[in-house]
PDB file of N, CA and C in Angstrom:
ATOM      1  N   LEU A   1      -8.890  15.091  30.759  1.00  0.00           N
ATOM      2  CA  LEU A   1     -10.342  15.463  30.360  1.00  0.00           C
ATOM      3  C   LEU A   1     -11.231  14.702  31.316  1.00  0.00           C
ATOM      4  N   ASP A   2     -11.077  13.392  31.721  1.00  0.00           N
ATOM      5  CA  ASP A   2     -11.961  12.819  32.561  1.00  0.00           C
ATOM      6  C   ASP A   2     -12.105  13.433  33.820  1.00  0.00           C
ATOM      7  N   GLU A   3     -11.000  14.064  34.440  1.00  0.00           N
ATOM      8  CA  GLU A   3     -11.127  14.779  35.782  1.00  0.00           C
ATOM      9  C   GLU A   3     -11.863  15.905  35.566  1.00  0.00           C
ATOM     10  N   VAL A   4     -11.723  16.784  34.453  1.00  0.00           N
ATOM     11  CA  VAL A   4     -12.511  17.956  34.353  1.00  0.00           C
ATOM     12  C   VAL A   4     -13.946  17.803  34.213  1.00  0.00           C
ATOM     13  N   LEU A   5     -14.405  16.649  33.616  1.00  0.00           N
ATOM     14  CA  LEU A   5     -15.719  16.440  33.376  1.00  0.00           C
ATOM     15  C   LEU A   5     -16.386  15.267  34.407  1.00  0.00           C
ATOM     16  N   ALA A   6     -15.743  15.267  35.491  1.00  0.00           N
ATOM     17  CA  ALA A   6     -16.097  14.234  36.400  1.00  0.00           C
ATOM     18  C   ALA A   6     -17.482  14.278  36.763  1.00  0.00           C
ATOM     19  N   GLY A   7     -18.292  13.122  36.574  1.00  0.00           N
ATOM     20  CA  GLY A   7     -19.681  13.041  36.775  1.00  0.00           C
ATOM     21  C   GLY A   7     -20.558  13.434  35.552  1.00  0.00           C
ATOM     22  N   GLU A   8     -19.786  14.012  34.549  1.00  0.00           N
ATOM     23  CA  GLU A   8     -20.685  14.408  33.305  1.00  0.00           C
ATOM     24  C   GLU A   8     -20.398  13.389  32.169  1.00  0.00           C
ATOM     25  N   PRO A   9     -21.354  13.110  31.228  1.00  0.00           N
ATOM     26  CA  PRO A   9     -20.874  12.258  30.250  1.00  0.00           C
ATOM     27  C   PRO A   9     -20.138  12.827  29.319  1.00  0.00           C
ATOM     28  N   ILE A  10     -19.109  12.046  28.787  1.00  0.00           N
ATOM     29  CA  ILE A  10     -18.105  12.505  27.855  1.00  0.00           C
ATOM     30  C   ILE A  10     -18.390  11.957  26.484  1.00  0.00           C
ATOM     31  N   PRO A  11     -18.750  12.804  25.554  1.00  0.00           N
ATOM     32  CA  PRO A  11     -18.945  12.358  24.258  1.00  0.00           C
ATOM     33  C   PRO A  11     -17.774  11.878  23.530  1.00  0.00           C
ATOM     34  N   ALA A  12     -17.411  10.675  23.605  1.00  0.00           N
ATOM     35  CA  ALA A  12     -16.096  10.020  23.250  1.00  0.00           C
ATOM     36  C   ALA A  12     -15.994  10.241  21.744  1.00  0.00           C
ATOM     37  N   TYR A  13     -17.001   9.954  20.980  1.00  0.00           N
ATOM     38  CA  TYR A  13     -16.931  10.185  19.439  1.00  0.00           C
ATOM     39  C   TYR A  13     -16.496  11.590  19.088  1.00  0.00           C
ATOM     40  N   GLU A  14     -17.070  12.492  19.695  1.00  0.00           N
ATOM     41  CA  GLU A  14     -16.829  13.955  19.450  1.00  0.00           C
ATOM     42  C   GLU A  14     -15.346  14.276  19.962  1.00  0.00           C
ATOM     43  N   VAL A  15     -14.975  13.571  21.049  1.00  0.00           N
ATOM     44  CA  VAL A  15     -13.753  14.042  21.484  1.00  0.00           C
ATOM     45  C   VAL A  15     -12.672  13.440  20.509  1.00  0.00           C
ATOM     46  N   ALA A  16     -13.021  12.284  20.007  1.00  0.00           N
ATOM     47  CA  ALA A  16     -12.143  11.574  19.057  1.00  0.00           C
ATOM     48  C   ALA A  16     -11.866  12.583  17.781  1.00  0.00           C
ATOM     49  N   LYS A  17     -12.743  13.137  17.349  1.00  0.00           N
ATOM     50  CA  LYS A  17     -12.730  14.034  16.153  1.00  0.00           C
ATOM     51  C   LYS A  17     -11.841  15.418  16.525  1.00  0.00           C
ATOM     52  N   VAL A  18     -12.051  15.788  17.806  1.00  0.00           N
ATOM     53  CA  VAL A  18     -11.179  16.850  18.101  1.00  0.00           C
ATOM     54  C   VAL A  18      -9.824  16.407  18.200  1.00  0.00           C
ATOM     55  N   HIS A  19      -9.351  15.322  18.541  1.00  0.00           N
ATOM     56  CA  HIS A  19      -8.157  14.844  18.709  1.00  0.00           C
ATOM     57  C   HIS A  19      -7.486  14.699  17.263  1.00  0.00           C
ATOM     58  N   LEU A  20      -8.417  14.219  16.243  1.00  0.00           N
ATOM     59  CA  LEU A  20      -7.891  14.060  14.944  1.00  0.00           C
ATOM     60  C   LEU A  20      -7.696  15.413  14.249  1.00  0.00           C
ATOM     61  N   ALA A  21      -8.444  16.421  14.586  1.00  0.00           N
ATOM     62  CA  ALA A  21      -8.497  17.793  13.997  1.00  0.00           C
ATOM     63  C   ALA A  21      -7.054  18.296  14.661  1.00  0.00           C
ATOM     64  N   LEU A  22      -6.681  18.027  15.765  1.00  0.00           N
ATOM     65  CA  LEU A  22      -5.421  18.483  16.284  1.00  0.00           C
ATOM     66  C   LEU A  22      -4.281  17.592  15.746  1.00  0.00           C
ATOM     67  N   GLY A  23      -4.459  16.650  14.929  1.00  0.00           N
ATOM     68  CA  GLY A  23      -3.439  15.774  14.269  1.00  0.00           C
ATOM     69  C   GLY A  23      -2.883  14.591  14.951  1.00  0.00           C
ATOM     70  N   ASP A  24      -3.760  14.189  16.144  1.00  0.00           N
ATOM     71  CA  ASP A  24      -3.378  13.015  16.975  1.00  0.00           C
ATOM     72  C   ASP A  24      -4.154  11.838  16.521  1.00  0.00           C
ATOM     73  N   LYS A  25      -3.721  11.145  15.580  1.00  0.00           N
ATOM     74  CA  LYS A  25      -4.574   9.915  15.181  1.00  0.00           C
ATOM     75  C   LYS A  25      -4.623   8.945  16.312  1.00  0.00           C
ATOM     76  N   GLY A  26      -3.629   8.675  17.026  1.00  0.00           N
ATOM     77  CA  GLY A  26      -3.369   7.632  17.989  1.00  0.00           C
ATOM     78  C   GLY A  26      -4.444   7.901  19.077  1.00  0.00           C
ATOM     79  N   GLU A  27      -4.668   9.273  19.693  1.00  0.00           N
ATOM     80  CA  GLU A  27      -5.600   9.510  20.571  1.00  0.00           C
ATOM     81  C   GLU A  27      -6.886   9.581  19.926  1.00  0.00           C
ATOM     82  N   ALA A  28      -7.034   9.913  18.891  1.00  0.00           N
ATOM     83  CA  ALA A  28      -8.298   9.774  18.098  1.00  0.00           C
ATOM     84  C   ALA A  28      -8.920   8.377  18.174  1.00  0.00           C
ATOM     85  N   LEU A  29      -8.129   7.429  17.846  1.00  0.00           N
ATOM     86  CA  LEU A  29      -8.427   6.046  17.812  1.00  0.00           C
ATOM     87  C   LEU A  29      -8.700   5.468  19.191  1.00  0.00           C
ATOM     88  N   ARG A  30      -7.981   6.071  20.211  1.00  0.00           N
ATOM     89  CA  ARG A  30      -8.227   5.623  21.562  1.00  0.00           C
ATOM     90  C   ARG A  30      -9.813   5.951  21.897  1.00  0.00           C
ATOM     91  N   TRP A  31      -9.959   7.243  21.528  1.00  0.00           N
ATOM     92  CA  TRP A  31     -11.330   7.603  21.781  1.00  0.00           C
ATOM     93  C   TRP A  31     -12.617   6.982  21.179  1.00  0.00           C
ATOM     94  N   LEU A  32     -12.302   6.679  19.922  1.00  0.00           N
ATOM     95  CA  LEU A  32     -13.190   5.928  19.138  1.00  0.00           C
ATOM     96  C   LEU A  32     -13.477   4.383  19.673  1.00  0.00           C
ATOM     97  N   ARG A  33     -12.255   3.947  20.145  1.00  0.00           N
ATOM     98  CA  ARG A  33     -12.463   2.674  20.862  1.00  0.00           C
ATOM     99  C   ARG A  33     -13.433   2.717  22.068  1.00  0.00           C
ATOM    100  N   ARG A  34     -13.203   3.854  22.857  1.00  0.00           N
ATOM    101  CA  ARG A  34     -14.016   4.131  23.912  1.00  0.00           C
ATOM    102  C   ARG A  34     -15.379   4.237  23.507  1.00  0.00           C
ATOM    103  N   ALA A  35     -15.679   5.047  22.423  1.00  0.00           N
ATOM    104  CA  ALA A  35     -17.019   5.271  21.986  1.00  0.00           C
ATOM    105  C   ALA A  35     -17.793   3.988  21.703  1.00  0.00           C
ATOM    106  N   PHE A  36     -16.869   3.095  21.073  1.00  0.00           N
ATOM    107  CA  PHE A  36     -17.421   1.586  20.698  1.00  0.00           C
ATOM    108  C   PHE A  36     -17.902   0.937  21.882  1.00  0.00           C
ATOM    109  N   GLU A  37     -16.949   0.992  23.035  1.00  0.00           N
ATOM    110  CA  GLU A  37     -17.236   0.243  24.202  1.00  0.00           C
ATOM    111  C   GLU A  37     -18.343   0.860  24.905  1.00  0.00           C
ATOM    112  N   GLU A  38     -18.620   2.236  24.718  1.00  0.00           N
ATOM    113  CA  GLU A  38     -19.659   2.702  25.399  1.00  0.00           C
ATOM    114  C   GLU A  38     -21.081   2.561  24.528  1.00  0.00           C
ATOM    115  N   ARG A  39     -20.998   1.963  23.381  1.00  0.00           N
ATOM    116  CA  ARG A  39     -21.959   1.880  22.388  1.00  0.00           C
ATOM    117  C   ARG A  39     -22.694   2.946  22.063  1.00  0.00           C
ATOM    118  N   ALA A  40     -21.738   4.007  21.680  1.00  0.00           N
ATOM    119  CA  ALA A  40     -22.227   5.365  21.330  1.00  0.00           C
ATOM    120  C   ALA A  40     -22.927   5.251  19.925  1.00  0.00           C
ATOM    121  N   HIS A  41     -24.050   5.677  19.818  1.00  0.00           N
ATOM    122  CA  HIS A  41     -24.855   5.622  18.649  1.00  0.00           C
ATOM    123  C   HIS A  41     -24.217   6.181  17.248  1.00  0.00           C
ATOM    124  N   SER A  42     -23.281   7.184  17.584  1.00  0.00           N
ATOM    125  CA  SER A  42     -22.424   8.009  16.467  1.00  0.00           C
ATOM    126  C   SER A  42     -21.779   6.940  15.775  1.00  0.00           C
ATOM    127  N   MET A  43     -21.425   5.709  16.335  1.00  0.00           N
ATOM    128  CA  MET A  43     -20.425   4.825  15.554  1.00  0.00           C
ATOM    129  C   MET A  43     -20.921   4.295  14.449  1.00  0.00           C
ATOM    130  N   VAL A  44     -22.105   4.496  13.959  1.00  0.00           N
ATOM    131  CA  VAL A  44     -22.669   4.012  12.845  1.00  0.00           C
ATOM    132  C   VAL A  44     -22.363   4.962  11.709  1.00  0.00           C
ATOM    133  N   PHE A  45     -21.782   6.079  12.018  1.00  0.00           N
ATOM    134  CA  PHE A  45     -21.422   7.120  10.925  1.00  0.00           C
ATOM    135  C   PHE A  45     -19.993   7.113  10.692  1.00  0.00           C
ATOM    136  N   LEU A  46     -19.096   6.162  11.180  1.00  0.00           N
ATOM    137  CA  LEU A  46     -17.785   6.050  10.993  1.00  0.00           C
ATOM    138  C   LEU A  46     -17.307   6.260   9.509  1.00  0.00           C
ATOM    139  N   LEU A  47     -17.930   5.548   8.694  1.00  0.00           N
ATOM    140  CA  LEU A  47     -17.515   5.694   7.186  1.00  0.00           C
ATOM    141  C   LEU A  47     -18.187   7.057   6.588  1.00  0.00           C
ATOM    142  N   MET A  48     -19.003   7.586   7.052  1.00  0.00           N
ATOM    143  CA  MET A  48     -19.796   8.748   6.364  1.00  0.00           C
ATOM    144  C   MET A  48     -19.273  10.028   6.874  1.00  0.00           C
ATOM    145  N   ASP A  49     -18.714   9.977   8.115  1.00  0.00           N
ATOM    146  CA  ASP A  49     -18.353  11.156   8.794  1.00  0.00           C
ATOM    147  C   ASP A  49     -16.862  11.758   8.112  1.00  0.00           C
ATOM    148  N   ARG A  50     -17.185  12.728   7.392  1.00  0.00           N
ATOM    149  CA  ARG A  50     -15.993  13.445   6.658  1.00  0.00           C
ATOM    150  C   ARG A  50     -14.931  13.776   7.525  1.00  0.00           C
ATOM    151  N   GLN A  51     -15.062  14.123   8.705  1.00  0.00           N
ATOM    152  CA  GLN A  51     -14.097  14.571   9.649  1.00  0.00           C
ATOM    153  C   GLN A  51     -13.237  13.321  10.120  1.00  0.00           C
ATOM    154  N   LEU A  52     -13.656  12.191   9.851  1.00  0.00           N
ATOM    155  CA  LEU A  52     -12.893  11.085  10.117  1.00  0.00           C
ATOM    156  C   LEU A  52     -12.092  10.385   8.860  1.00  0.00           C
ATOM    157  N   LYS A  53     -12.217  11.038   7.675  1.00  0.00           N
ATOM    158  CA  LYS A  53     -11.623  10.577   6.424  1.00  0.00           C
ATOM    159  C   LYS A  53     -10.142  10.373   6.733  1.00  0.00           C
ATOM    160  N   PRO A  54      -9.388  11.047   7.407  1.00  0.00           N
ATOM    161  CA  PRO A  54      -7.959  10.909   7.643  1.00  0.00           C
ATOM    162  C   PRO A  54      -7.540   9.587   8.213  1.00  0.00           C
ATOM    163  N   LEU A  55      -8.565   8.802   8.905  1.00  0.00           N
ATOM    164  CA  LEU A  55      -8.334   7.530   9.571  1.00  0.00           C
ATOM    165  C   LEU A  55      -8.451   6.457   8.563  1.00  0.00           C
ATOM    166  N   HIS A  56      -9.296   6.709   7.492  1.00  0.00           N
ATOM    167  CA  HIS A  56      -9.669   5.665   6.436  1.00  0.00           C
ATOM    168  C   HIS A  56      -8.246   5.003   6.073  1.00  0.00           C
ATOM    169  N   GLY A  57      -8.251   3.748   5.931  1.00  0.00           N
ATOM    170  CA  GLY A  57      -7.148   2.905   5.549  1.00  0.00           C
ATOM    171  C   GLY A  57      -6.105   2.597   6.749  1.00  0.00           C
ATOM    172  N   GLU A  58      -6.320   3.339   7.865  1.00  0.00           N
ATOM    173  CA  GLU A  58      -5.674   2.921   9.038  1.00  0.00           C
ATOM    174  C   GLU A  58      -6.139   1.545   9.580  1.00  0.00           C
ATOM    175  N   PRO A  59      -5.138   0.532   9.755  1.00  0.00           N
ATOM    176  CA  PRO A  59      -5.602  -0.786  10.234  1.00  0.00           C
ATOM    177  C   PRO A  59      -6.470  -0.822  11.310  1.00  0.00           C
ATOM    178  N   GLU A  60      -6.234   0.035  12.402  1.00  0.00           N
ATOM    179  CA  GLU A  60      -6.955   0.124  13.577  1.00  0.00           C
ATOM    180  C   GLU A  60      -8.314   0.679  13.247  1.00  0.00           C
ATOM    181  N   PHE A  61      -8.474   1.507  12.462  1.00  0.00           N
ATOM    182  CA  PHE A  61      -9.780   2.018  11.954  1.00  0.00           C
ATOM    183  C   PHE A  61     -10.631   1.160  11.455  1.00  0.00           C
ATOM    184  N   GLU A  62      -9.906   0.476  10.385  1.00  0.00           N
ATOM    185  CA  GLU A  62     -10.551  -0.384   9.599  1.00  0.00           C
ATOM    186  C   GLU A  62     -11.127  -1.611  10.431  1.00  0.00           C
ATOM    187  N   ALA A  63     -10.318  -2.124  11.577  1.00  0.00           N
ATOM    188  CA  ALA A  63     -10.774  -2.913  12.438  1.00  0.00           C
ATOM    189  C   ALA A  63     -11.915  -2.631  13.139  1.00  0.00           C
ATOM    190  N   LEU A  64     -12.047  -1.480  13.556  1.00  0.00           N
ATOM    191  CA  LEU A  64     -13.020  -0.804  14.401  1.00  0.00           C
ATOM    192  C   LEU A  64     -14.271  -0.765  13.550  1.00  0.00           C
ATOM    193  N   VAL A  65     -14.296  -0.419  12.266  1.00  0.00           N
ATOM    194  CA  VAL A  65     -15.311  -0.487  11.356  1.00  0.00           C
ATOM    195  C   VAL A  65     -15.927  -1.955  11.047  1.00  0.00           C
ATOM    196  N   LYS A  66     -15.069  -2.910  11.126  1.00  0.00           N
ATOM    197  CA  LYS A  66     -15.675  -4.205  11.173  1.00  0.00           C
ATOM    198  C   LYS A  66     -16.336  -4.654  12.377  1.00  0.00           C
ATOM    199  N   GLN A  67     -15.760  -4.239  13.380  1.00  0.00           N
ATOM    200  CA  GLN A  67     -16.416  -4.401  14.721  1.00  0.00           C
ATOM    201  C   GLN A  67     -17.835  -3.814  14.971  1.00  0.00           C
ATOM    202  N   VAL A  68     -17.956  -2.716  14.394  1.00  0.00           N
ATOM    203  CA  VAL A  68     -19.052  -1.990  14.324  1.00  0.00           C
ATOM    204  C   VAL A  68     -20.156  -2.702  13.528  1.00  0.00           C
ATOM    205  N   GLY A  69     -19.790  -3.198  12.441  1.00  0.00           N
ATOM    206  CA  GLY A  69     -20.502  -3.987  11.497  1.00  0.00           C
ATOM    207  C   GLY A  69     -21.050  -3.317  10.226  1.00  0.00           C
ATOM    208  N   ILE A  70     -20.135  -2.232   9.970  1.00  0.00           N
ATOM    209  CA  ILE A  70     -20.527  -1.345   8.804  1.00  0.00           C
ATOM    210  C   ILE A  70     -19.662  -1.683   7.738  1.00  0.00           C
TER     211      ILE A  70
END
């Protein structure tokens, strides 16, 4: 994906949701970490975003929620 969008901003938070919809929690979490590192404003919606509900309770997701401070 990075190569395809070379030079274009990649909406990491949205890419994470695509991976989750495809059933790949690990890749979704990787992209959410990237969104956090990029300080994506969407990260404030982690707990309210219904599309991310399958990640609730996952230790890595919960740690990310704490890092975001919500």
